[in-house]
């Protein structure tokens, strides 16, 4: 019985080394003068509701990301007009997640 338990624990440990398990999170922040939509997703991912946040005023929205380096699309739309569109490589370009003051003047 102890040998079987040992083999199970050893197998689980080896699988944990072979496959990186876990998640990371990022916060996208900024300021905007109207109610708009922020979408943040991996570059080749399908569109899902959990990739979208409604933003207005000062905002700081969190998103779950891969533990591996990945490329993401970040867009801000106000009334169907794209006011911000960025391609961001994480973690290398994490400073780009602070959008500063976003102008919605195109709406």
C-alpha atoms as a PDB file:
ATOM      1  CA  UNK A   1       0.000   0.000   0.000  1.00  0.00           C
ATOM      2  CA  UNK A   2       2.814   2.434   0.824  1.00  0.00           C
ATOM      3  CA  UNK A   3       4.512   1.637  -2.500  1.00  0.00           C
ATOM      4  CA  UNK A   4       1.322   2.464  -4.392  1.00  0.00           C
ATOM      5  CA  UNK A   5       0.911   5.747  -2.504  1.00  0.00           C
ATOM      6  CA  UNK A   6       4.547   6.597  -3.210  1.00  0.00           C
ATOM      7  CA  UNK A   7       4.059   5.921  -6.933  1.00  0.00           C
ATOM      8  CA  UNK A   8       0.940   8.083  -7.048  1.00  0.00           C
ATOM      9  CA  UNK A   9       2.709  10.993  -5.336  1.00  0.00           C
ATOM     10  CA  UNK A  10       5.764  10.594  -7.569  1.00  0.00           C
ATOM     11  CA  UNK A  11       3.626  10.500 -10.717  1.00  0.00           C
ATOM     12  CA  UNK A  12       1.726  13.627  -9.673  1.00  0.00           C
ATOM     13  CA  UNK A  13       5.003  15.429  -8.958  1.00  0.00           C
ATOM     14  CA  UNK A  14       6.434  14.518 -12.345  1.00  0.00           C
ATOM     15  CA  UNK A  15       3.275  15.666 -14.134  1.00  0.00           C
ATOM     16  CA  UNK A  16       3.471  18.981 -12.310  1.00  0.00           C
ATOM     17  CA  UNK A  17       6.996  19.456 -13.654  1.00  0.00           C
ATOM     18  CA  UNK A  18       6.044  18.514 -17.211  1.00  0.00           C
ATOM     19  CA  UNK A  19       2.959  20.749 -17.445  1.00  0.00           C
ATOM     20  CA  UNK A  20       2.923  24.257 -16.074  1.00  0.00           C
ATOM     21  CA  UNK A  21      -0.256  24.585 -14.057  1.00  0.00           C
ATOM     22  CA  UNK A  22      -1.687  27.842 -12.849  1.00  0.00           C
ATOM     23  CA  UNK A  23      -2.806  31.284 -13.878  1.00  0.00           C
ATOM     24  CA  UNK A  24      -1.643  34.845 -13.611  1.00  0.00           C
ATOM     25  CA  UNK A  25      -3.593  38.073 -13.531  1.00  0.00           C
ATOM     26  CA  UNK A  26      -3.058  41.545 -14.923  1.00  0.00           C
ATOM     27  CA  UNK A  27      -4.760  44.843 -14.183  1.00  0.00           C
ATOM     28  CA  UNK A  28      -5.558  47.238 -16.995  1.00  0.00           C
ATOM     29  CA  UNK A  29      -6.027  50.780 -15.748  1.00  0.00           C
ATOM     30  CA  UNK A  30      -6.775  54.230 -17.051  1.00  0.00           C
ATOM     31  CA  UNK A  31      -9.352  56.961 -17.256  1.00  0.00           C
ATOM     32  CA  UNK A  32     -12.103  57.601 -19.815  1.00  0.00           C
ATOM     33  CA  UNK A  33     -14.911  60.162 -19.988  1.00  0.00           C
ATOM     34  CA  UNK A  34     -17.712  57.907 -21.318  1.00  0.00           C
ATOM     35  CA  UNK A  35     -19.024  54.404 -20.798  1.00  0.00           C
ATOM     36  CA  UNK A  36     -17.067  52.130 -23.123  1.00  0.00           C
ATOM     37  CA  UNK A  37     -16.090  48.481 -23.518  1.00  0.00           C
ATOM     38  CA  UNK A  38     -12.627  47.080 -22.783  1.00  0.00           C
ATOM     39  CA  UNK A  39     -11.727  43.716 -24.340  1.00  0.00           C
ATOM     40  CA  UNK A  40      -8.530  41.823 -23.496  1.00  0.00           C
ATOM     41  CA  UNK A  41      -7.846  38.399 -24.999  1.00  0.00           C
ATOM     42  CA  UNK A  42      -5.117  36.170 -26.354  1.00  0.00           C
ATOM     43  CA  UNK A  43      -4.415  37.037 -29.953  1.00  0.00           C
ATOM     44  CA  UNK A  44      -5.814  33.796 -31.430  1.00  0.00           C
ATOM     45  CA  UNK A  45      -8.623  33.221 -28.913  1.00  0.00           C
ATOM     46  CA  UNK A  46     -12.321  33.226 -29.724  1.00  0.00           C
ATOM     47  CA  UNK A  47     -14.450  36.043 -28.319  1.00  0.00           C
ATOM     48  CA  UNK A  48     -16.077  35.310 -24.952  1.00  0.00           C
ATOM     49  CA  UNK A  49     -17.978  37.532 -22.518  1.00  0.00           C
ATOM     50  CA  UNK A  50     -15.381  37.048 -19.756  1.00  0.00           C
ATOM     51  CA  UNK A  51     -12.827  38.920 -21.899  1.00  0.00           C
ATOM     52  CA  UNK A  52     -14.913  42.120 -21.758  1.00  0.00           C
ATOM     53  CA  UNK A  53     -15.412  44.784 -19.096  1.00  0.00           C
ATOM     54  CA  UNK A  54     -17.551  47.937 -19.101  1.00  0.00           C
ATOM     55  CA  UNK A  55     -15.412  50.926 -18.154  1.00  0.00           C
ATOM     56  CA  UNK A  56     -16.180  54.535 -17.224  1.00  0.00           C
ATOM     57  CA  UNK A  57     -14.241  57.206 -15.354  1.00  0.00           C
ATOM     58  CA  UNK A  58     -11.181  55.906 -13.515  1.00  0.00           C
ATOM     59  CA  UNK A  59     -10.941  52.161 -14.028  1.00  0.00           C
ATOM     60  CA  UNK A  60      -8.742  49.242 -12.983  1.00  0.00           C
ATOM     61  CA  UNK A  61      -9.950  45.934 -14.424  1.00  0.00           C
ATOM     62  CA  UNK A  62      -8.382  42.560 -13.765  1.00  0.00           C
ATOM     63  CA  UNK A  63      -8.034  39.763 -16.312  1.00  0.00           C
ATOM     64  CA  UNK A  64      -6.751  36.213 -15.950  1.00  0.00           C
ATOM     65  CA  UNK A  65      -3.848  35.388 -18.257  1.00  0.00           C
ATOM     66  CA  UNK A  66      -1.673  32.428 -19.126  1.00  0.00           C
ATOM     67  CA  UNK A  67       1.351  31.607 -16.945  1.00  0.00           C
ATOM     68  CA  UNK A  68       3.365  31.359 -20.185  1.00  0.00           C
ATOM     69  CA  UNK A  69       4.467  34.366 -22.264  1.00  0.00           C
ATOM     70  CA  UNK A  70       1.638  35.193 -24.697  1.00  0.00           C
ATOM     71  CA  UNK A  71       0.489  37.913 -27.074  1.00  0.00           C
ATOM     72  CA  UNK A  72      -2.802  39.686 -26.331  1.00  0.00           C
ATOM     73  CA  UNK A  73      -5.167  42.077 -28.114  1.00  0.00           C
ATOM     74  CA  UNK A  74      -6.417  45.026 -26.079  1.00  0.00           C
ATOM     75  CA  UNK A  75      -9.249  47.148 -27.494  1.00  0.00           C
ATOM     76  CA  UNK A  76     -11.438  49.909 -26.131  1.00  0.00           C
ATOM     77  CA  UNK A  77     -14.664  50.615 -28.026  1.00  0.00           C
ATOM     78  CA  UNK A  78     -17.035  53.523 -27.441  1.00  0.00           C
ATOM     79  CA  UNK A  79     -20.303  53.251 -29.376  1.00  0.00           C
ATOM     80  CA  UNK A  80     -18.733  50.767 -31.830  1.00  0.00           C
ATOM     81  CA  UNK A  81     -15.756  53.079 -32.537  1.00  0.00           C
ATOM     82  CA  UNK A  82     -12.363  51.683 -31.603  1.00  0.00           C
ATOM     83  CA  UNK A  83     -10.509  54.324 -29.573  1.00  0.00           C
ATOM     84  CA  UNK A  84      -7.633  52.090 -28.393  1.00  0.00           C
ATOM     85  CA  UNK A  85      -6.173  49.052 -30.131  1.00  0.00           C
ATOM     86  CA  UNK A  86      -2.928  47.471 -28.960  1.00  0.00           C
ATOM     87  CA  UNK A  87      -1.101  44.183 -29.379  1.00  0.00           C
ATOM     88  CA  UNK A  88       0.752  43.442 -26.148  1.00  0.00           C
ATOM     89  CA  UNK A  89       3.364  40.753 -25.468  1.00  0.00           C
ATOM     90  CA  UNK A  90       3.189  39.710 -21.830  1.00  0.00           C
ATOM     91  CA  UNK A  91       5.067  39.832 -19.567  1.00  0.00           C
ATOM     92  CA  UNK A  92       7.574  41.897 -21.599  1.00  0.00           C
ATOM     93  CA  UNK A  93       5.217  44.825 -22.319  1.00  0.00           C
ATOM     94  CA  UNK A  94       3.248  44.947 -19.062  1.00  0.00           C
ATOM     95  CA  UNK A  95       3.784  48.725 -18.783  1.00  0.00           C
ATOM     96  CA  UNK A  96       1.398  49.152 -21.740  1.00  0.00           C
ATOM     97  CA  UNK A  97      -1.484  47.986 -19.509  1.00  0.00           C
ATOM     98  CA  UNK A  98      -1.668  51.458 -17.937  1.00  0.00           C
ATOM     99  CA  UNK A  99      -3.654  53.256 -20.640  1.00  0.00           C
ATOM    100  CA  UNK A 100      -3.548  56.688 -19.016  1.00  0.00           C
ATOM    101  CA  UNK A 101      -6.250  59.096 -20.164  1.00  0.00           C
ATOM    102  CA  UNK A 102      -8.193  57.588 -23.062  1.00  0.00           C
ATOM    103  CA  UNK A 103      -9.973  59.984 -25.408  1.00  0.00           C
ATOM    104  CA  UNK A 104     -13.430  58.946 -26.542  1.00  0.00           C
ATOM    105  CA  UNK A 105     -13.652  61.990 -28.842  1.00  0.00           C
ATOM    106  CA  UNK A 106     -14.135  59.751 -31.894  1.00  0.00           C
ATOM    107  CA  UNK A 107     -17.629  58.777 -30.694  1.00  0.00           C
END
